PDB file of N, CA and C in Angstrom:
ATOM      1  N   MET A   1      -3.465 -22.903 -17.315  1.00  0.00           N
ATOM      2  CA  MET A   1      -4.023 -22.836 -15.957  1.00  0.00           C
ATOM      3  C   MET A   1      -2.948 -23.198 -14.928  1.00  0.00           C
ATOM      4  N   LEU A   2      -2.863 -22.397 -13.903  1.00  0.00           N
ATOM      5  CA  LEU A   2      -1.855 -22.651 -12.876  1.00  0.00           C
ATOM      6  C   LEU A   2      -2.279 -23.806 -11.980  1.00  0.00           C
ATOM      7  N   SER A   3      -1.294 -24.519 -11.502  1.00  0.00           N
ATOM      8  CA  SER A   3      -1.599 -25.629 -10.591  1.00  0.00           C
ATOM      9  C   SER A   3      -1.892 -25.089  -9.195  1.00  0.00           C
ATOM     10  N   ARG A   4      -2.526 -25.908  -8.379  1.00  0.00           N
ATOM     11  CA  ARG A   4      -2.876 -25.449  -7.026  1.00  0.00           C
ATOM     12  C   ARG A   4      -1.633 -25.116  -6.225  1.00  0.00           C
ATOM     13  N   LYS A   5      -0.534 -25.805  -6.503  1.00  0.00           N
ATOM     14  CA  LYS A   5       0.706 -25.546  -5.756  1.00  0.00           C
ATOM     15  C   LYS A   5       1.174 -24.111  -5.986  1.00  0.00           C
ATOM     16  N   TRP A   6       1.162 -23.675  -7.259  1.00  0.00           N
ATOM     17  CA  TRP A   6       1.633 -22.324  -7.562  1.00  0.00           C
ATOM     18  C   TRP A   6       0.672 -21.275  -7.017  1.00  0.00           C
ATOM     19  N   ILE A   7      -0.624 -21.554  -7.116  1.00  0.00           N
ATOM     20  CA  ILE A   7      -1.616 -20.605  -6.590  1.00  0.00           C
ATOM     21  C   ILE A   7      -1.449 -20.442  -5.086  1.00  0.00           C
ATOM     22  N   LEU A   8      -1.247 -21.560  -4.386  1.00  0.00           N
ATOM     23  CA  LEU A   8      -1.062 -21.501  -2.938  1.00  0.00           C
ATOM     24  C   LEU A   8       0.211 -20.743  -2.599  1.00  0.00           C
ATOM     25  N   ARG A   9       1.270 -20.996  -3.362  1.00  0.00           N
ATOM     26  CA  ARG A   9       2.549 -20.332  -3.100  1.00  0.00           C
ATOM     27  C   ARG A   9       2.427 -18.828  -3.331  1.00  0.00           C
ATOM     28  N   LEU A  10       1.761 -18.448  -4.420  1.00  0.00           N
ATOM     29  CA  LEU A  10       1.598 -17.023  -4.714  1.00  0.00           C
ATOM     30  C   LEU A  10       0.748 -16.342  -3.646  1.00  0.00           C
ATOM     31  N   SER A  11      -0.302 -17.019  -3.211  1.00  0.00           N
ATOM     32  CA  SER A  11      -1.168 -16.426  -2.191  1.00  0.00           C
ATOM     33  C   SER A  11      -0.418 -16.259  -0.876  1.00  0.00           C
ATOM     34  N   LEU A  12       0.418 -17.225  -0.546  1.00  0.00           N
ATOM     35  CA  LEU A  12       1.189 -17.134   0.701  1.00  0.00           C
ATOM     36  C   LEU A  12       2.199 -15.992   0.628  1.00  0.00           C
ATOM     37  N   THR A  13       2.846 -15.835  -0.515  1.00  0.00           N
ATOM     38  CA  THR A  13       3.819 -14.749  -0.659  1.00  0.00           C
ATOM     39  C   THR A  13       3.114 -13.396  -0.601  1.00  0.00           C
ATOM     40  N   ALA A  14       1.945 -13.300  -1.230  1.00  0.00           N
ATOM     41  CA  ALA A  14       1.193 -12.044  -1.207  1.00  0.00           C
ATOM     42  C   ALA A  14       0.769 -11.714   0.223  1.00  0.00           C
ATOM     43  N   LEU A  15       0.317 -12.727   0.947  1.00  0.00           N
ATOM     44  CA  LEU A  15      -0.100 -12.518   2.334  1.00  0.00           C
ATOM     45  C   LEU A  15       1.084 -12.083   3.190  1.00  0.00           C
ATOM     46  N   ALA A  16       2.238 -12.698   2.958  1.00  0.00           N
ATOM     47  CA  ALA A  16       3.439 -12.337   3.716  1.00  0.00           C
ATOM     48  C   ALA A  16       3.829 -10.887   3.430  1.00  0.00           C
ATOM     49  N   LEU A  17       3.725 -10.480   2.168  1.00  0.00           N
ATOM     50  CA  LEU A  17       4.066  -9.104   1.813  1.00  0.00           C
ATOM     51  C   LEU A  17       3.106  -8.134   2.495  1.00  0.00           C
ATOM     52  N   LEU A  18       1.828  -8.468   2.523  1.00  0.00           N
ATOM     53  CA  LEU A  18       0.851  -7.596   3.173  1.00  0.00           C
ATOM     54  C   LEU A  18       1.151  -7.468   4.663  1.00  0.00           C
ATOM     55  N   VAL A  19       1.486  -8.575   5.306  1.00  0.00           N
ATOM     56  CA  VAL A  19       1.771  -8.554   6.743  1.00  0.00           C
ATOM     57  C   VAL A  19       3.013  -7.718   7.026  1.00  0.00           C
ATOM     58  N   THR A  20       4.046  -7.891   6.210  1.00  0.00           N
ATOM     59  CA  THR A  20       5.291  -7.150   6.440  1.00  0.00           C
ATOM     60  C   THR A  20       5.065  -5.658   6.223  1.00  0.00           C
ATOM     61  N   THR A  21       4.297  -5.288   5.195  1.00  0.00           N
ATOM     62  CA  THR A  21       4.053  -3.869   4.946  1.00  0.00           C
ATOM     63  C   THR A  21       3.201  -3.282   6.064  1.00  0.00           C
ATOM     64  N   ASP A  22       2.262  -4.066   6.605  1.00  0.00           N
ATOM     65  CA  ASP A  22       1.435  -3.582   7.709  1.00  0.00           C
ATOM     66  C   ASP A  22       2.279  -3.379   8.964  1.00  0.00           C
ATOM     67  N   ARG A  23       3.272  -4.236   9.169  1.00  0.00           N
ATOM     68  CA  ARG A  23       4.130  -4.084  10.348  1.00  0.00           C
ATOM     69  C   ARG A  23       4.977  -2.823  10.231  1.00  0.00           C
ATOM     70  N   ARG A  24       5.430  -2.516   9.019  1.00  0.00           N
ATOM     71  CA  ARG A  24       6.248  -1.306   8.830  1.00  0.00           C
ATOM     72  C   ARG A  24       5.426  -0.067   9.138  1.00  0.00           C
ATOM     73  N   ARG A  25       4.189  -0.026   8.624  1.00  0.00           N
ATOM     74  CA  ARG A  25       3.328   1.137   8.836  1.00  0.00           C
ATOM     75  C   ARG A  25       2.128   0.743   9.689  1.00  0.00           C
ATOM     76  N   PRO A  26       2.220   0.917  11.017  1.00  0.00           N
ATOM     77  CA  PRO A  26       1.097   0.550  11.889  1.00  0.00           C
ATOM     78  C   PRO A  26      -0.141   1.372  11.574  1.00  0.00           C
ATOM     79  N   LYS A  27       0.062   2.631  11.167  1.00  0.00           N
ATOM     80  CA  LYS A  27      -1.078   3.476  10.804  1.00  0.00           C
ATOM     81  C   LYS A  27      -0.968   3.863   9.331  1.00  0.00           C
ATOM     82  N   PRO A  28      -1.617   3.132   8.436  1.00  0.00           N
ATOM     83  CA  PRO A  28      -1.543   3.442   6.999  1.00  0.00           C
ATOM     84  C   PRO A  28      -2.343   4.691   6.665  1.00  0.00           C
ATOM     85  N   ALA A  29      -1.832   5.847   7.084  1.00  0.00           N
ATOM     86  CA  ALA A  29      -2.525   7.096   6.801  1.00  0.00           C
ATOM     87  C   ALA A  29      -1.956   7.715   5.527  1.00  0.00           C
ATOM     88  N   ALA A  30      -2.840   8.071   4.615  1.00  0.00           N
ATOM     89  CA  ALA A  30      -2.388   8.657   3.351  1.00  0.00           C
ATOM     90  C   ALA A  30      -1.858  10.063   3.612  1.00  0.00           C
ATOM     91  N   PRO A  31      -0.761  10.434   2.971  1.00  0.00           N
ATOM     92  CA  PRO A  31      -0.197  11.781   3.167  1.00  0.00           C
ATOM     93  C   PRO A  31      -1.162  12.830   2.651  1.00  0.00           C
ATOM     94  N   PRO A  32      -1.234  13.988   3.312  1.00  0.00           N
ATOM     95  CA  PRO A  32      -2.165  15.041   2.876  1.00  0.00           C
ATOM     96  C   PRO A  32      -1.786  15.556   1.501  1.00  0.00           C
ATOM     97  N   PRO A  33      -2.759  15.883   0.669  1.00  0.00           N
ATOM     98  CA  PRO A  33      -2.464  16.387  -0.684  1.00  0.00           C
ATOM     99  C   PRO A  33      -1.767  17.733  -0.610  1.00  0.00           C
ATOM    100  N   PRO A  34      -0.858  18.013  -1.531  1.00  0.00           N
ATOM    101  CA  PRO A  34      -0.133  19.305  -1.525  1.00  0.00           C
ATOM    102  C   PRO A  34      -1.092  20.457  -1.745  1.00  0.00           C
ATOM    103  N   LYS A  35      -0.984  21.473  -0.874  1.00  0.00           N
ATOM    104  CA  LYS A  35      -1.879  22.631  -1.001  1.00  0.00           C
ATOM    105  C   LYS A  35      -1.091  23.858  -1.451  1.00  0.00           C
ATOM    106  N   ASP A  36      -0.189  23.658  -2.419  1.00  0.00           N
ATOM    107  CA  ASP A  36       0.617  24.783  -2.889  1.00  0.00           C
ATOM    108  C   ASP A  36      -0.263  25.829  -3.579  1.00  0.00           C
ATOM    109  N   LYS A  37      -1.200  25.359  -4.403  1.00  0.00           N
ATOM    110  CA  LYS A  37      -2.046  26.298  -5.144  1.00  0.00           C
ATOM    111  C   LYS A  37      -3.033  26.987  -4.205  1.00  0.00           C
ATOM    112  N   ASP A  38      -3.521  26.256  -3.206  1.00  0.00           N
ATOM    113  CA  ASP A  38      -4.518  26.830  -2.300  1.00  0.00           C
ATOM    114  C   ASP A  38      -3.896  27.815  -1.313  1.00  0.00           C
ATOM    115  N   ASP A  39      -2.662  27.542  -0.881  1.00  0.00           N
ATOM    116  CA  ASP A  39      -2.027  28.404   0.115  1.00  0.00           C
ATOM    117  C   ASP A  39      -1.588  29.745  -0.484  1.00  0.00           C
ATOM    118  N   LYS A  40      -1.283  29.748  -1.777  1.00  0.00           N
ATOM    119  CA  LYS A  40      -0.821  31.000  -2.396  1.00  0.00           C
ATOM    120  C   LYS A  40      -1.978  32.003  -2.483  1.00  0.00           C
ATOM    121  N   PRO A  41      -1.746  33.241  -2.079  1.00  0.00           N
ATOM    122  CA  PRO A  41      -2.809  34.262  -2.173  1.00  0.00           C
ATOM    123  C   PRO A  41      -3.109  34.600  -3.627  1.00  0.00           C
ATOM    124  N   ALA A  42      -4.385  34.769  -3.929  1.00  0.00           N
ATOM    125  CA  ALA A  42      -4.762  35.091  -5.313  1.00  0.00           C
ATOM    126  C   ALA A  42      -4.449  36.550  -5.588  1.00  0.00           C
ATOM    127  N   ASP A  43      -3.712  36.793  -6.650  1.00  0.00           N
ATOM    128  CA  ASP A  43      -3.358  38.180  -6.999  1.00  0.00           C
ATOM    129  C   ASP A  43      -4.419  38.766  -7.924  1.00  0.00           C
TER     130      ASP A  43
END
């Protein structure tokens, strides 16, 4: 079992990572799926 010190430290690091990633991407929009198969005309 982890001690409270390690749990607190891990939670703080995880929170810091989330904040930094949110700052990098202000709008976390998922990229559109590739439509290579749909765009090609059916022969």
